[in-house]
């Protein structure tokens, strides 16, 4: 089963690659306070058709380069 994450495009300056920021809501174990943490993933695209701020779904894939192992599924 491949993981699917939802995020927002932060950068599209590379060819066939976008940087996607994924935010998750966590709960502190002691204080029970909710907070958001974010992580950036590099994802493969078919072309440069995405703009900064687009909401996308990314899917886990085989390693495509040193730090790129995600593909953009849909907008």
N, C-alpha and C. Protein backbone atom coordinates (compact mmCIF):
# COMPACT_ATOMS: atom_id res chain seq x y z
N UNK A 1 0.85 -1.19 0.00
CA UNK A 1 0.00 0.00 0.00
C UNK A 1 0.89 1.24 0.00
N UNK A 2 0.68 2.13 -0.97
CA UNK A 2 1.47 3.34 -1.07
C UNK A 2 0.84 4.45 -0.24
N UNK A 3 1.68 5.26 0.39
CA UNK A 3 1.20 6.39 1.18
C UNK A 3 0.77 7.51 0.24
N UNK A 4 -0.29 8.20 0.61
CA UNK A 4 -0.77 9.36 -0.14
C UNK A 4 -0.88 10.52 0.84
N UNK A 5 -0.27 11.65 0.49
CA UNK A 5 -0.29 12.83 1.34
C UNK A 5 -0.88 14.01 0.58
N UNK A 6 -1.47 14.93 1.33
CA UNK A 6 -2.07 16.13 0.75
C UNK A 6 -1.24 17.34 1.18
N UNK A 7 -0.87 18.19 0.24
CA UNK A 7 -0.06 19.35 0.58
C UNK A 7 -0.21 20.49 -0.40
N UNK A 8 0.64 21.49 -0.20
CA UNK A 8 0.60 22.71 -1.01
C UNK A 8 1.98 22.92 -1.63
N UNK A 9 1.99 23.33 -2.89
CA UNK A 9 3.25 23.53 -3.60
C UNK A 9 3.91 24.83 -3.11
N UNK A 10 5.19 24.70 -2.75
CA UNK A 10 5.95 25.83 -2.23
C UNK A 10 6.92 26.35 -3.28
N UNK A 11 7.48 25.46 -4.10
CA UNK A 11 8.46 25.87 -5.11
C UNK A 11 8.30 25.01 -6.36
N UNK A 12 8.46 25.64 -7.53
CA UNK A 12 8.40 24.92 -8.80
C UNK A 12 9.55 25.34 -9.72
N UNK A 13 10.69 25.71 -9.15
CA UNK A 13 11.80 26.23 -9.93
C UNK A 13 12.61 25.15 -10.64
N UNK A 14 12.53 23.89 -10.16
CA UNK A 14 13.28 22.80 -10.78
C UNK A 14 12.50 22.23 -11.95
N UNK A 15 13.18 21.58 -12.87
CA UNK A 15 12.50 20.97 -14.01
C UNK A 15 11.97 19.61 -13.58
N UNK A 16 10.70 19.37 -13.86
CA UNK A 16 10.00 18.12 -13.55
C UNK A 16 9.97 17.80 -12.06
N UNK A 17 10.16 18.78 -11.20
CA UNK A 17 10.13 18.58 -9.75
C UNK A 17 9.47 19.76 -9.08
N UNK A 18 8.66 19.47 -8.07
CA UNK A 18 8.07 20.52 -7.23
C UNK A 18 8.33 20.18 -5.77
N UNK A 19 8.34 21.21 -4.93
CA UNK A 19 8.49 21.01 -3.50
C UNK A 19 7.11 21.20 -2.88
N UNK A 20 6.66 20.17 -2.14
CA UNK A 20 5.32 20.17 -1.55
C UNK A 20 5.45 20.21 -0.04
N UNK A 21 4.74 21.14 0.60
CA UNK A 21 4.75 21.27 2.06
C UNK A 21 3.50 20.58 2.60
N UNK A 22 3.72 19.59 3.47
CA UNK A 22 2.63 18.83 4.07
C UNK A 22 2.55 19.18 5.54
N UNK A 23 1.36 19.61 5.99
CA UNK A 23 1.16 19.97 7.39
C UNK A 23 0.34 18.90 8.08
N UNK A 24 0.77 18.53 9.29
CA UNK A 24 0.04 17.56 10.10
C UNK A 24 -0.26 18.17 11.46
N UNK A 25 -1.40 17.80 12.02
CA UNK A 25 -1.79 18.27 13.35
C UNK A 25 -1.43 17.19 14.35
N UNK A 26 -0.67 17.58 15.37
CA UNK A 26 -0.24 16.64 16.41
C UNK A 26 -0.75 17.12 17.76
N UNK A 27 -0.77 16.20 18.73
CA UNK A 27 -1.19 16.53 20.08
C UNK A 27 -0.01 16.28 21.01
N UNK A 28 0.30 17.27 21.85
CA UNK A 28 1.40 17.12 22.79
C UNK A 28 1.04 16.05 23.83
N UNK A 29 1.97 15.11 24.11
CA UNK A 29 1.61 14.00 25.00
C UNK A 29 1.30 14.40 26.44
N UNK A 30 1.97 15.42 26.94
CA UNK A 30 1.75 15.82 28.33
C UNK A 30 0.67 16.89 28.48
N UNK A 31 0.73 17.93 27.66
CA UNK A 31 -0.16 19.08 27.82
C UNK A 31 -1.43 19.00 27.00
N UNK A 32 -1.55 18.00 26.11
CA UNK A 32 -2.75 17.80 25.28
C UNK A 32 -3.10 19.01 24.42
N UNK A 33 -2.08 19.77 24.06
CA UNK A 33 -2.28 20.94 23.21
C UNK A 33 -2.06 20.54 21.76
N UNK A 34 -2.91 21.00 20.86
CA UNK A 34 -2.74 20.71 19.43
C UNK A 34 -1.78 21.73 18.82
N UNK A 35 -0.93 21.23 17.92
CA UNK A 35 -0.02 22.09 17.18
C UNK A 35 0.22 21.49 15.81
N UNK A 36 0.63 22.35 14.87
CA UNK A 36 0.87 21.87 13.51
C UNK A 36 2.37 21.77 13.28
N UNK A 37 2.76 20.69 12.62
CA UNK A 37 4.14 20.55 12.19
C UNK A 37 4.11 20.33 10.69
N UNK A 38 5.15 20.79 10.01
CA UNK A 38 5.17 20.68 8.55
C UNK A 38 6.47 20.05 8.09
N UNK A 39 6.41 19.42 6.93
CA UNK A 39 7.57 18.81 6.33
C UNK A 39 7.48 19.03 4.82
N UNK A 40 8.64 19.21 4.18
CA UNK A 40 8.68 19.44 2.74
C UNK A 40 9.16 18.19 2.03
N UNK A 41 8.49 17.85 0.93
CA UNK A 41 8.85 16.70 0.12
C UNK A 41 9.08 17.17 -1.31
N UNK A 42 10.06 16.56 -1.98
CA UNK A 42 10.26 16.81 -3.40
C UNK A 42 9.49 15.75 -4.17
N UNK A 43 8.68 16.20 -5.13
CA UNK A 43 7.81 15.29 -5.87
C UNK A 43 8.04 15.45 -7.37
N UNK A 44 7.90 14.35 -8.09
CA UNK A 44 8.10 14.32 -9.53
C UNK A 44 6.82 14.73 -10.25
N UNK A 45 6.96 15.49 -11.33
CA UNK A 45 5.81 15.88 -12.15
C UNK A 45 6.08 15.53 -13.60
N UNK A 46 5.02 15.44 -14.40
CA UNK A 46 5.18 15.14 -15.82
C UNK A 46 5.76 16.33 -16.57
N UNK A 47 5.41 17.52 -16.13
CA UNK A 47 5.91 18.75 -16.76
C UNK A 47 5.78 19.88 -15.78
N UNK A 48 6.08 21.08 -16.21
CA UNK A 48 5.98 22.25 -15.33
C UNK A 48 4.59 22.87 -15.46
N UNK A 49 3.57 22.14 -15.01
CA UNK A 49 2.19 22.61 -15.15
C UNK A 49 1.61 23.09 -13.84
N UNK A 50 2.38 23.03 -12.74
CA UNK A 50 1.87 23.41 -11.43
C UNK A 50 2.42 24.76 -11.02
N UNK A 51 1.59 25.53 -10.32
CA UNK A 51 1.97 26.85 -9.84
C UNK A 51 2.12 26.81 -8.32
N UNK A 52 2.80 27.81 -7.78
CA UNK A 52 2.97 27.92 -6.33
C UNK A 52 1.60 28.19 -5.70
N UNK A 53 1.28 27.44 -4.65
CA UNK A 53 0.01 27.60 -3.96
C UNK A 53 -1.02 26.56 -4.34
N UNK A 54 -0.77 25.75 -5.35
CA UNK A 54 -1.72 24.70 -5.76
C UNK A 54 -1.78 23.61 -4.70
N UNK A 55 -2.97 23.09 -4.45
CA UNK A 55 -3.15 21.96 -3.54
C UNK A 55 -3.04 20.69 -4.38
N UNK A 56 -2.19 19.75 -3.93
CA UNK A 56 -1.95 18.53 -4.70
C UNK A 56 -1.94 17.31 -3.78
N UNK A 57 -2.13 16.15 -4.40
CA UNK A 57 -1.95 14.87 -3.72
C UNK A 57 -0.66 14.25 -4.24
N UNK A 58 0.19 13.76 -3.33
CA UNK A 58 1.42 13.10 -3.74
C UNK A 58 1.39 11.66 -3.26
N UNK A 59 1.99 10.78 -4.07
CA UNK A 59 1.99 9.35 -3.78
C UNK A 59 3.43 8.85 -3.71
N UNK A 60 3.68 7.94 -2.79
CA UNK A 60 5.00 7.36 -2.62
C UNK A 60 5.37 6.52 -3.84
N UNK A 61 6.64 6.57 -4.23
CA UNK A 61 7.09 5.79 -5.39
C UNK A 61 8.51 5.31 -5.13
N UNK A 62 9.09 4.68 -6.11
CA UNK A 62 10.47 4.21 -5.98
C UNK A 62 11.39 5.43 -5.96
N UNK A 63 12.61 5.31 -5.46
CA UNK A 63 13.53 6.45 -5.47
C UNK A 63 13.86 6.89 -6.89
N UNK A 64 13.61 8.17 -7.18
CA UNK A 64 13.86 8.72 -8.50
C UNK A 64 15.18 9.50 -8.54
N UNK A 65 15.64 9.97 -7.40
CA UNK A 65 16.93 10.64 -7.28
C UNK A 65 17.34 10.54 -5.82
N UNK A 66 18.33 11.33 -5.43
CA UNK A 66 18.85 11.25 -4.06
C UNK A 66 17.77 11.53 -3.01
N UNK A 67 16.97 12.58 -3.21
CA UNK A 67 15.93 12.89 -2.23
C UNK A 67 14.54 13.04 -2.84
N UNK A 68 14.30 12.43 -3.98
CA UNK A 68 12.97 12.50 -4.61
C UNK A 68 12.40 11.10 -4.74
N UNK A 69 11.37 10.80 -3.93
CA UNK A 69 10.72 9.49 -3.99
C UNK A 69 9.20 9.63 -3.87
N UNK A 70 8.65 10.72 -4.40
CA UNK A 70 7.21 10.97 -4.41
C UNK A 70 6.80 11.41 -5.81
N UNK A 71 5.56 11.13 -6.19
CA UNK A 71 5.01 11.59 -7.47
C UNK A 71 3.72 12.34 -7.21
N UNK A 72 3.48 13.37 -8.00
CA UNK A 72 2.23 14.13 -7.91
C UNK A 72 1.14 13.33 -8.61
N UNK A 73 0.06 13.04 -7.89
CA UNK A 73 -1.03 12.24 -8.45
C UNK A 73 -2.04 13.13 -9.17
N UNK A 74 -2.57 14.15 -8.45
CA UNK A 74 -3.53 15.04 -9.08
C UNK A 74 -3.56 16.37 -8.35
N UNK A 75 -4.16 17.35 -9.01
CA UNK A 75 -4.27 18.71 -8.50
C UNK A 75 -5.43 18.82 -7.54
